[in-house]
PDB file of N, CA and C in Angstrom:
ATOM      1  N   MET A   1      -8.413  16.361   1.274  1.00  0.00           N
ATOM      2  CA  MET A   1      -8.304  14.916   1.194  1.00  0.00           C
ATOM      3  C   MET A   1      -9.296  14.233   2.131  1.00  0.00           C
ATOM      4  N   SER A   2      -9.356  14.625   3.379  1.00  0.00           N
ATOM      5  CA  SER A   2     -10.229  13.973   4.349  1.00  0.00           C
ATOM      6  C   SER A   2     -11.694  14.096   3.958  1.00  0.00           C
ATOM      7  N   TYR A   3     -12.093  15.296   3.526  1.00  0.00           N
ATOM      8  CA  TYR A   3     -13.486  15.492   3.130  1.00  0.00           C
ATOM      9  C   TYR A   3     -13.833  14.614   1.932  1.00  0.00           C
ATOM     10  N   GLU A   4     -12.879  14.470   0.997  1.00  0.00           N
ATOM     11  CA  GLU A   4     -13.095  13.629  -0.175  1.00  0.00           C
ATOM     12  C   GLU A   4     -13.290  12.175   0.230  1.00  0.00           C
ATOM     13  N   LYS A   5     -12.499  11.725   1.185  1.00  0.00           N
ATOM     14  CA  LYS A   5     -12.602  10.344   1.647  1.00  0.00           C
ATOM     15  C   LYS A   5     -13.969  10.089   2.273  1.00  0.00           C
ATOM     16  N   VAL A   6     -14.455  11.053   3.038  1.00  0.00           N
ATOM     17  CA  VAL A   6     -15.781  10.947   3.646  1.00  0.00           C
ATOM     18  C   VAL A   6     -16.845  10.913   2.557  1.00  0.00           C
ATOM     19  N   ALA A   7     -16.717  11.790   1.586  1.00  0.00           N
ATOM     20  CA  ALA A   7     -17.695  11.870   0.502  1.00  0.00           C
ATOM     21  C   ALA A   7     -17.744  10.581  -0.312  1.00  0.00           C
ATOM     22  N   GLN A   8     -16.600   9.935  -0.496  1.00  0.00           N
ATOM     23  CA  GLN A   8     -16.525   8.725  -1.317  1.00  0.00           C
ATOM     24  C   GLN A   8     -16.872   7.452  -0.560  1.00  0.00           C
ATOM     25  N   ALA A   9     -16.902   7.507   0.762  1.00  0.00           N
ATOM     26  CA  ALA A   9     -17.185   6.313   1.560  1.00  0.00           C
ATOM     27  C   ALA A   9     -18.608   5.823   1.299  1.00  0.00           C
ATOM     28  N   GLU A  10     -18.723   4.537   1.039  1.00  0.00           N
ATOM     29  CA  GLU A  10     -20.043   3.978   0.756  1.00  0.00           C
ATOM     30  C   GLU A  10     -20.836   3.755   2.032  1.00  0.00           C
ATOM     31  N   GLU A  11     -20.173   3.281   3.080  1.00  0.00           N
ATOM     32  CA  GLU A  11     -20.867   3.016   4.336  1.00  0.00           C
ATOM     33  C   GLU A  11     -20.326   3.921   5.422  1.00  0.00           C
ATOM     34  N   LYS A  12     -21.215   4.790   5.935  1.00  0.00           N
ATOM     35  CA  LYS A  12     -20.817   5.708   6.997  1.00  0.00           C
ATOM     36  C   LYS A  12     -22.024   6.020   7.856  1.00  0.00           C
ATOM     37  N   VAL A  13     -21.738   6.463   9.078  1.00  0.00           N
ATOM     38  CA  VAL A  13     -22.792   6.960   9.959  1.00  0.00           C
ATOM     39  C   VAL A  13     -22.438   8.389  10.326  1.00  0.00           C
ATOM     40  N   ILE A  14     -23.462   9.212  10.446  1.00  0.00           N
ATOM     41  CA  ILE A  14     -23.285  10.635  10.680  1.00  0.00           C
ATOM     42  C   ILE A  14     -23.902  11.007  12.019  1.00  0.00           C
ATOM     43  N   GLY A  15     -23.168  11.789  12.802  1.00  0.00           N
ATOM     44  CA  GLY A  15     -23.688  12.272  14.080  1.00  0.00           C
ATOM     45  C   GLY A  15     -23.128  11.501  15.260  1.00  0.00           C
ATOM     46  N   THR A  16     -23.125  12.143  16.405  1.00  0.00           N
ATOM     47  CA  THR A  16     -22.470  11.563  17.575  1.00  0.00           C
ATOM     48  C   THR A  16     -23.182  10.329  18.117  1.00  0.00           C
ATOM     49  N   LYS A  17     -24.508  10.339  18.170  1.00  0.00           N
ATOM     50  CA  LYS A  17     -25.229   9.180  18.718  1.00  0.00           C
ATOM     51  C   LYS A  17     -25.017   7.942  17.869  1.00  0.00           C
ATOM     52  N   GLN A  18     -25.159   8.081  16.558  1.00  0.00           N
ATOM     53  CA  GLN A  18     -24.982   6.942  15.661  1.00  0.00           C
ATOM     54  C   GLN A  18     -23.531   6.475  15.648  1.00  0.00           C
ATOM     55  N   THR A  19     -22.599   7.427  15.716  1.00  0.00           N
ATOM     56  CA  THR A  19     -21.176   7.090  15.726  1.00  0.00           C
ATOM     57  C   THR A  19     -20.820   6.335  17.001  1.00  0.00           C
ATOM     58  N   LEU A  20     -21.346   6.781  18.122  1.00  0.00           N
ATOM     59  CA  LEU A  20     -21.100   6.116  19.403  1.00  0.00           C
ATOM     60  C   LEU A  20     -21.598   4.669  19.358  1.00  0.00           C
ATOM     61  N   LYS A  21     -22.787   4.466  18.821  1.00  0.00           N
ATOM     62  CA  LYS A  21     -23.345   3.117  18.714  1.00  0.00           C
ATOM     63  C   LYS A  21     -22.488   2.242  17.803  1.00  0.00           C
ATOM     64  N   ALA A  22     -22.050   2.792  16.677  1.00  0.00           N
ATOM     65  CA  ALA A  22     -21.208   2.030  15.754  1.00  0.00           C
ATOM     66  C   ALA A  22     -19.873   1.663  16.396  1.00  0.00           C
ATOM     67  N   LEU A  23     -19.314   2.582  17.183  1.00  0.00           N
ATOM     68  CA  LEU A  23     -18.069   2.289  17.903  1.00  0.00           C
ATOM     69  C   LEU A  23     -18.278   1.171  18.914  1.00  0.00           C
ATOM     70  N   GLU A  24     -19.392   1.237  19.642  1.00  0.00           N
ATOM     71  CA  GLU A  24     -19.700   0.186  20.625  1.00  0.00           C
ATOM     72  C   GLU A  24     -19.861  -1.168  19.945  1.00  0.00           C
ATOM     73  N   ASP A  25     -20.417  -1.165  18.731  1.00  0.00           N
ATOM     74  CA  ASP A  25     -20.618  -2.404  17.974  1.00  0.00           C
ATOM     75  C   ASP A  25     -19.339  -2.898  17.303  1.00  0.00           C
ATOM     76  N   GLY A  26     -18.279  -2.074  17.321  1.00  0.00           N
ATOM     77  CA  GLY A  26     -16.989  -2.471  16.760  1.00  0.00           C
ATOM     78  C   GLY A  26     -16.947  -2.497  15.249  1.00  0.00           C
ATOM     79  N   ILE A  27     -17.739  -1.643  14.590  1.00  0.00           N
ATOM     80  CA  ILE A  27     -17.806  -1.678  13.127  1.00  0.00           C
ATOM     81  C   ILE A  27     -17.217  -0.431  12.458  1.00  0.00           C
ATOM     82  N   VAL A  28     -16.480   0.375  13.229  1.00  0.00           N
ATOM     83  CA  VAL A  28     -15.912   1.616  12.696  1.00  0.00           C
ATOM     84  C   VAL A  28     -14.474   1.397  12.237  1.00  0.00           C
ATOM     85  N   LYS A  29     -14.194   1.830  11.006  1.00  0.00           N
ATOM     86  CA  LYS A  29     -12.835   1.740  10.451  1.00  0.00           C
ATOM     87  C   LYS A  29     -12.057   3.020  10.744  1.00  0.00           C
ATOM     88  N   GLU A  30     -12.708   4.184  10.535  1.00  0.00           N
ATOM     89  CA  GLU A  30     -12.089   5.491  10.779  1.00  0.00           C
ATOM     90  C   GLU A  30     -13.130   6.447  11.329  1.00  0.00           C
ATOM     91  N   LEU A  31     -12.668   7.351  12.182  1.00  0.00           N
ATOM     92  CA  LEU A  31     -13.543   8.363  12.762  1.00  0.00           C
ATOM     93  C   LEU A  31     -13.075   9.745  12.319  1.00  0.00           C
ATOM     94  N   TYR A  32     -14.019  10.570  11.886  1.00  0.00           N
ATOM     95  CA  TYR A  32     -13.726  11.954  11.511  1.00  0.00           C
ATOM     96  C   TYR A  32     -14.431  12.868  12.497  1.00  0.00           C
ATOM     97  N   VAL A  33     -13.669  13.794  13.077  1.00  0.00           N
ATOM     98  CA  VAL A  33     -14.199  14.712  14.085  1.00  0.00           C
ATOM     99  C   VAL A  33     -13.892  16.142  13.655  1.00  0.00           C
ATOM    100  N   ALA A  34     -14.899  16.999  13.718  1.00  0.00           N
ATOM    101  CA  ALA A  34     -14.711  18.406  13.358  1.00  0.00           C
ATOM    102  C   ALA A  34     -14.057  19.154  14.513  1.00  0.00           C
ATOM    103  N   SER A  35     -13.016  19.907  14.206  1.00  0.00           N
ATOM    104  CA  SER A  35     -12.283  20.664  15.227  1.00  0.00           C
ATOM    105  C   SER A  35     -13.130  21.753  15.871  1.00  0.00           C
ATOM    106  N   ASP A  36     -14.131  22.249  15.134  1.00  0.00           N
ATOM    107  CA  ASP A  36     -14.959  23.321  15.690  1.00  0.00           C
ATOM    108  C   ASP A  36     -16.193  22.799  16.448  1.00  0.00           C
ATOM    109  N   ALA A  37     -16.267  21.487  16.637  1.00  0.00           N
ATOM    110  CA  ALA A  37     -17.378  20.909  17.403  1.00  0.00           C
ATOM    111  C   ALA A  37     -17.158  21.154  18.897  1.00  0.00           C
ATOM    112  N   ASP A  38     -18.247  21.302  19.623  1.00  0.00           N
ATOM    113  CA  ASP A  38     -18.200  21.505  21.072  1.00  0.00           C
ATOM    114  C   ASP A  38     -17.641  20.248  21.736  1.00  0.00           C
ATOM    115  N   TYR A  39     -16.657  20.421  22.594  1.00  0.00           N
ATOM    116  CA  TYR A  39     -16.004  19.285  23.258  1.00  0.00           C
ATOM    117  C   TYR A  39     -17.012  18.427  24.016  1.00  0.00           C
ATOM    118  N   LYS A  40     -18.005  19.059  24.633  1.00  0.00           N
ATOM    119  CA  LYS A  40     -19.012  18.316  25.395  1.00  0.00           C
ATOM    120  C   LYS A  40     -19.797  17.355  24.510  1.00  0.00           C
ATOM    121  N   VAL A  41     -19.904  17.692  23.246  1.00  0.00           N
ATOM    122  CA  VAL A  41     -20.651  16.863  22.302  1.00  0.00           C
ATOM    123  C   VAL A  41     -19.829  15.656  21.847  1.00  0.00           C
ATOM    124  N   ILE A  42     -18.532  15.835  21.671  1.00  0.00           N
ATOM    125  CA  ILE A  42     -17.717  14.788  21.031  1.00  0.00           C
ATOM    126  C   ILE A  42     -16.809  13.988  21.967  1.00  0.00           C
ATOM    127  N   TYR A  43     -16.673  14.413  23.225  1.00  0.00           N
ATOM    128  CA  TYR A  43     -15.650  13.771  24.059  1.00  0.00           C
ATOM    129  C   TYR A  43     -15.875  12.281  24.272  1.00  0.00           C
ATOM    130  N   LYS A  44     -17.125  11.830  24.407  1.00  0.00           N
ATOM    131  CA  LYS A  44     -17.391  10.398  24.596  1.00  0.00           C
ATOM    132  C   LYS A  44     -16.996   9.602  23.352  1.00  0.00           C
ATOM    133  N   VAL A  45     -17.282  10.154  22.200  1.00  0.00           N
ATOM    134  CA  VAL A  45     -16.959   9.488  20.932  1.00  0.00           C
ATOM    135  C   VAL A  45     -15.444   9.363  20.784  1.00  0.00           C
ATOM    136  N   VAL A  46     -14.742  10.457  21.034  1.00  0.00           N
ATOM    137  CA  VAL A  46     -13.279  10.463  20.897  1.00  0.00           C
ATOM    138  C   VAL A  46     -12.645   9.495  21.900  1.00  0.00           C
ATOM    139  N   ALA A  47     -13.140   9.484  23.130  1.00  0.00           N
ATOM    140  CA  ALA A  47     -12.593   8.594  24.166  1.00  0.00           C
ATOM    141  C   ALA A  47     -12.812   7.129  23.801  1.00  0.00           C
ATOM    142  N   LEU A  48     -13.992   6.796  23.313  1.00  0.00           N
ATOM    143  CA  LEU A  48     -14.283   5.405  22.943  1.00  0.00           C
ATOM    144  C   LEU A  48     -13.463   4.970  21.729  1.00  0.00           C
ATOM    145  N   ALA A  49     -13.296   5.877  20.777  1.00  0.00           N
ATOM    146  CA  ALA A  49     -12.481   5.561  19.600  1.00  0.00           C
ATOM    147  C   ALA A  49     -11.036   5.274  20.017  1.00  0.00           C
ATOM    148  N   GLU A  50     -10.532   6.078  20.945  1.00  0.00           N
ATOM    149  CA  GLU A  50      -9.169   5.866  21.442  1.00  0.00           C
ATOM    150  C   GLU A  50      -9.063   4.515  22.147  1.00  0.00           C
ATOM    151  N   LYS A  51     -10.049   4.200  22.954  1.00  0.00           N
ATOM    152  CA  LYS A  51     -10.060   2.931  23.698  1.00  0.00           C
ATOM    153  C   LYS A  51     -10.101   1.732  22.749  1.00  0.00           C
ATOM    154  N   LYS A  52     -10.821   1.884  21.639  1.00  0.00           N
ATOM    155  CA  LYS A  52     -10.974   0.790  20.677  1.00  0.00           C
ATOM    156  C   LYS A  52      -9.918   0.828  19.569  1.00  0.00           C
ATOM    157  N   ASP A  53      -8.939   1.722  19.686  1.00  0.00           N
ATOM    158  CA  ASP A  53      -7.861   1.861  18.697  1.00  0.00           C
ATOM    159  C   ASP A  53      -8.369   2.166  17.286  1.00  0.00           C
ATOM    160  N   VAL A  54      -9.379   3.020  17.200  1.00  0.00           N
ATOM    161  CA  VAL A  54      -9.904   3.455  15.907  1.00  0.00           C
ATOM    162  C   VAL A  54      -9.191   4.751  15.526  1.00  0.00           C
ATOM    163  N   PRO A  55      -8.596   4.810  14.327  1.00  0.00           N
ATOM    164  CA  PRO A  55      -7.921   6.042  13.910  1.00  0.00           C
ATOM    165  C   PRO A  55      -8.901   7.215  13.868  1.00  0.00           C
ATOM    166  N   THR A  56      -8.489   8.333  14.470  1.00  0.00           N
ATOM    167  CA  THR A  56      -9.329   9.526  14.508  1.00  0.00           C
ATOM    168  C   THR A  56      -8.664  10.632  13.699  1.00  0.00           C
ATOM    169  N   ILE A  57      -9.402  11.150  12.738  1.00  0.00           N
ATOM    170  CA  ILE A  57      -8.897  12.209  11.869  1.00  0.00           C
ATOM    171  C   ILE A  57      -9.665  13.488  12.179  1.00  0.00           C
ATOM    172  N   LYS A  58      -8.924  14.561  12.470  1.00  0.00           N
ATOM    173  CA  LYS A  58      -9.567  15.848  12.736  1.00  0.00           C
ATOM    174  C   LYS A  58      -9.695  16.618  11.431  1.00  0.00           C
ATOM    175  N   VAL A  59     -10.872  17.209  11.242  1.00  0.00           N
ATOM    176  CA  VAL A  59     -11.112  18.078  10.098  1.00  0.00           C
ATOM    177  C   VAL A  59     -11.492  19.450  10.632  1.00  0.00           C
ATOM    178  N   GLN A  60     -11.390  20.463   9.809  1.00  0.00           N
ATOM    179  CA  GLN A  60     -11.568  21.840  10.253  1.00  0.00           C
ATOM    180  C   GLN A  60     -12.995  22.221  10.597  1.00  0.00           C
ATOM    181  N   SER A  61     -13.956  21.793   9.799  1.00  0.00           N
ATOM    182  CA  SER A  61     -15.272  22.409   9.857  1.00  0.00           C
ATOM    183  C   SER A  61     -16.418  21.415   9.921  1.00  0.00           C
ATOM    184  N   MET A  62     -17.338  21.648  10.857  1.00  0.00           N
ATOM    185  CA  MET A  62     -18.558  20.846  10.952  1.00  0.00           C
ATOM    186  C   MET A  62     -19.400  21.021   9.687  1.00  0.00           C
ATOM    187  N   LYS A  63     -19.448  22.245   9.210  1.00  0.00           N
ATOM    188  CA  LYS A  63     -20.253  22.557   8.022  1.00  0.00           C
ATOM    189  C   LYS A  63     -19.734  21.789   6.808  1.00  0.00           C
ATOM    190  N   LYS A  64     -18.406  21.810   6.608  1.00  0.00           N
ATOM    191  CA  LYS A  64     -17.807  21.106   5.469  1.00  0.00           C
ATOM    192  C   LYS A  64     -17.954  19.590   5.621  1.00  0.00           C
ATOM    193  N   LEU A  65     -17.876  19.096   6.855  1.00  0.00           N
ATOM    194  CA  LEU A  65     -18.030  17.664   7.105  1.00  0.00           C
ATOM    195  C   LEU A  65     -19.448  17.222   6.759  1.00  0.00           C
ATOM    196  N   GLY A  66     -20.428  18.014   7.148  1.00  0.00           N
ATOM    197  CA  GLY A  66     -21.812  17.719   6.788  1.00  0.00           C
ATOM    198  C   GLY A  66     -22.019  17.733   5.288  1.00  0.00           C
ATOM    199  N   LYS A  67     -21.442  18.725   4.637  1.00  0.00           N
ATOM    200  CA  LYS A  67     -21.557  18.846   3.176  1.00  0.00           C
ATOM    201  C   LYS A  67     -20.919  17.636   2.481  1.00  0.00           C
ATOM    202  N   ALA A  68     -19.775  17.177   2.999  1.00  0.00           N
ATOM    203  CA  ALA A  68     -19.097  16.009   2.428  1.00  0.00           C
ATOM    204  C   ALA A  68     -19.963  14.753   2.547  1.00  0.00           C
ATOM    205  N   CYS A  69     -20.845  14.742   3.546  1.00  0.00           N
ATOM    206  CA  CYS A  69     -21.750  13.610   3.750  1.00  0.00           C
ATOM    207  C   CYS A  69     -23.016  13.731   2.913  1.00  0.00           C
ATOM    208  N   GLY A  70     -23.162  14.865   2.252  1.00  0.00           N
ATOM    209  CA  GLY A  70     -24.337  15.071   1.421  1.00  0.00           C
ATOM    210  C   GLY A  70     -25.561  15.528   2.191  1.00  0.00           C
ATOM    211  N   ILE A  71     -25.335  16.141   3.374  1.00  0.00           N
ATOM    212  CA  ILE A  71     -26.458  16.660   4.154  1.00  0.00           C
ATOM    213  C   ILE A  71     -26.359  18.184   4.239  1.00  0.00           C
ATOM    214  N   ASP A  72     -27.485  18.818   4.505  1.00  0.00           N
ATOM    215  CA  ASP A  72     -27.536  20.285   4.528  1.00  0.00           C
ATOM    216  C   ASP A  72     -27.255  20.880   5.906  1.00  0.00           C
ATOM    217  N   VAL A  73     -26.934  20.047   6.878  1.00  0.00           N
ATOM    218  CA  VAL A  73     -26.631  20.550   8.218  1.00  0.00           C
ATOM    219  C   VAL A  73     -25.204  20.144   8.594  1.00  0.00           C
ATOM    220  N   SER A  74     -24.701  20.758   9.640  1.00  0.00           N
ATOM    221  CA  SER A  74     -23.340  20.453  10.107  1.00  0.00           C
ATOM    222  C   SER A  74     -23.280  19.070  10.742  1.00  0.00           C
ATOM    223  N   ALA A  75     -22.085  18.487  10.753  1.00  0.00           N
ATOM    224  CA  ALA A  75     -21.863  17.200  11.400  1.00  0.00           C
ATOM    225  C   ALA A  75     -20.623  17.294  12.278  1.00  0.00           C
ATOM    226  N   ALA A  76     -20.762  16.926  13.540  1.00  0.00           N
ATOM    227  CA  ALA A  76     -19.631  16.956  14.473  1.00  0.00           C
ATOM    228  C   ALA A  76     -18.741  15.739  14.262  1.00  0.00           C
ATOM    229  N   THR A  77     -19.363  14.582  14.032  1.00  0.00           N
ATOM    230  CA  THR A  77     -18.603  13.333  13.855  1.00  0.00           C
ATOM    231  C   THR A  77     -19.194  12.518  12.706  1.00  0.00           C
ATOM    232  N   VAL A  78     -18.296  11.798  12.036  1.00  0.00           N
ATOM    233  CA  VAL A  78     -18.697  10.856  10.990  1.00  0.00           C
ATOM    234  C   VAL A  78     -17.809   9.623  11.140  1.00  0.00           C
ATOM    235  N   ALA A  79     -18.419   8.453  11.078  1.00  0.00           N
ATOM    236  CA  ALA A  79     -17.667   7.205  11.167  1.00  0.00           C
ATOM    237  C   ALA A  79     -17.754   6.480   9.828  1.00  0.00           C
ATOM    238  N   ILE A  80     -16.588   6.083   9.327  1.00  0.00           N
ATOM    239  CA  ILE A  80     -16.530   5.237   8.132  1.00  0.00           C
ATOM    240  C   ILE A  80     -16.561   3.796   8.635  1.00  0.00           C
ATOM    241  N   LEU A  81     -17.484   3.016   8.112  1.00  0.00           N
ATOM    242  CA  LEU A  81     -17.669   1.648   8.610  1.00  0.00           C
ATOM    243  C   LEU A  81     -16.795   0.655   7.871  1.00  0.00           C
ATOM    244  N   LYS A  82     -16.531  -0.468   8.540  1.00  0.00           N
ATOM    245  CA  LYS A  82     -15.714  -1.552   7.970  1.00  0.00           C
ATOM    246  C   LYS A  82     -16.447  -2.235   6.840  1.00  0.00           C
TER     247      LYS A  82
END
């Protein structure tokens, strides 16, 4: 279900840097974080999402998250925009 929602989202940003910027700008509706991502990579994103009350959904695999976004590489975080 979560991967399908990511795949169907029209407006999204992929990757931790872009997701962090979108969170700072207040334009994120939902955050998807891969459980197998390195904590050092995602902790700032997760902390900011919590601070801004953005729902965070954990998914199993970076590889599957990247594939759901239509890219050939893994993705640690994906933000669905408002």
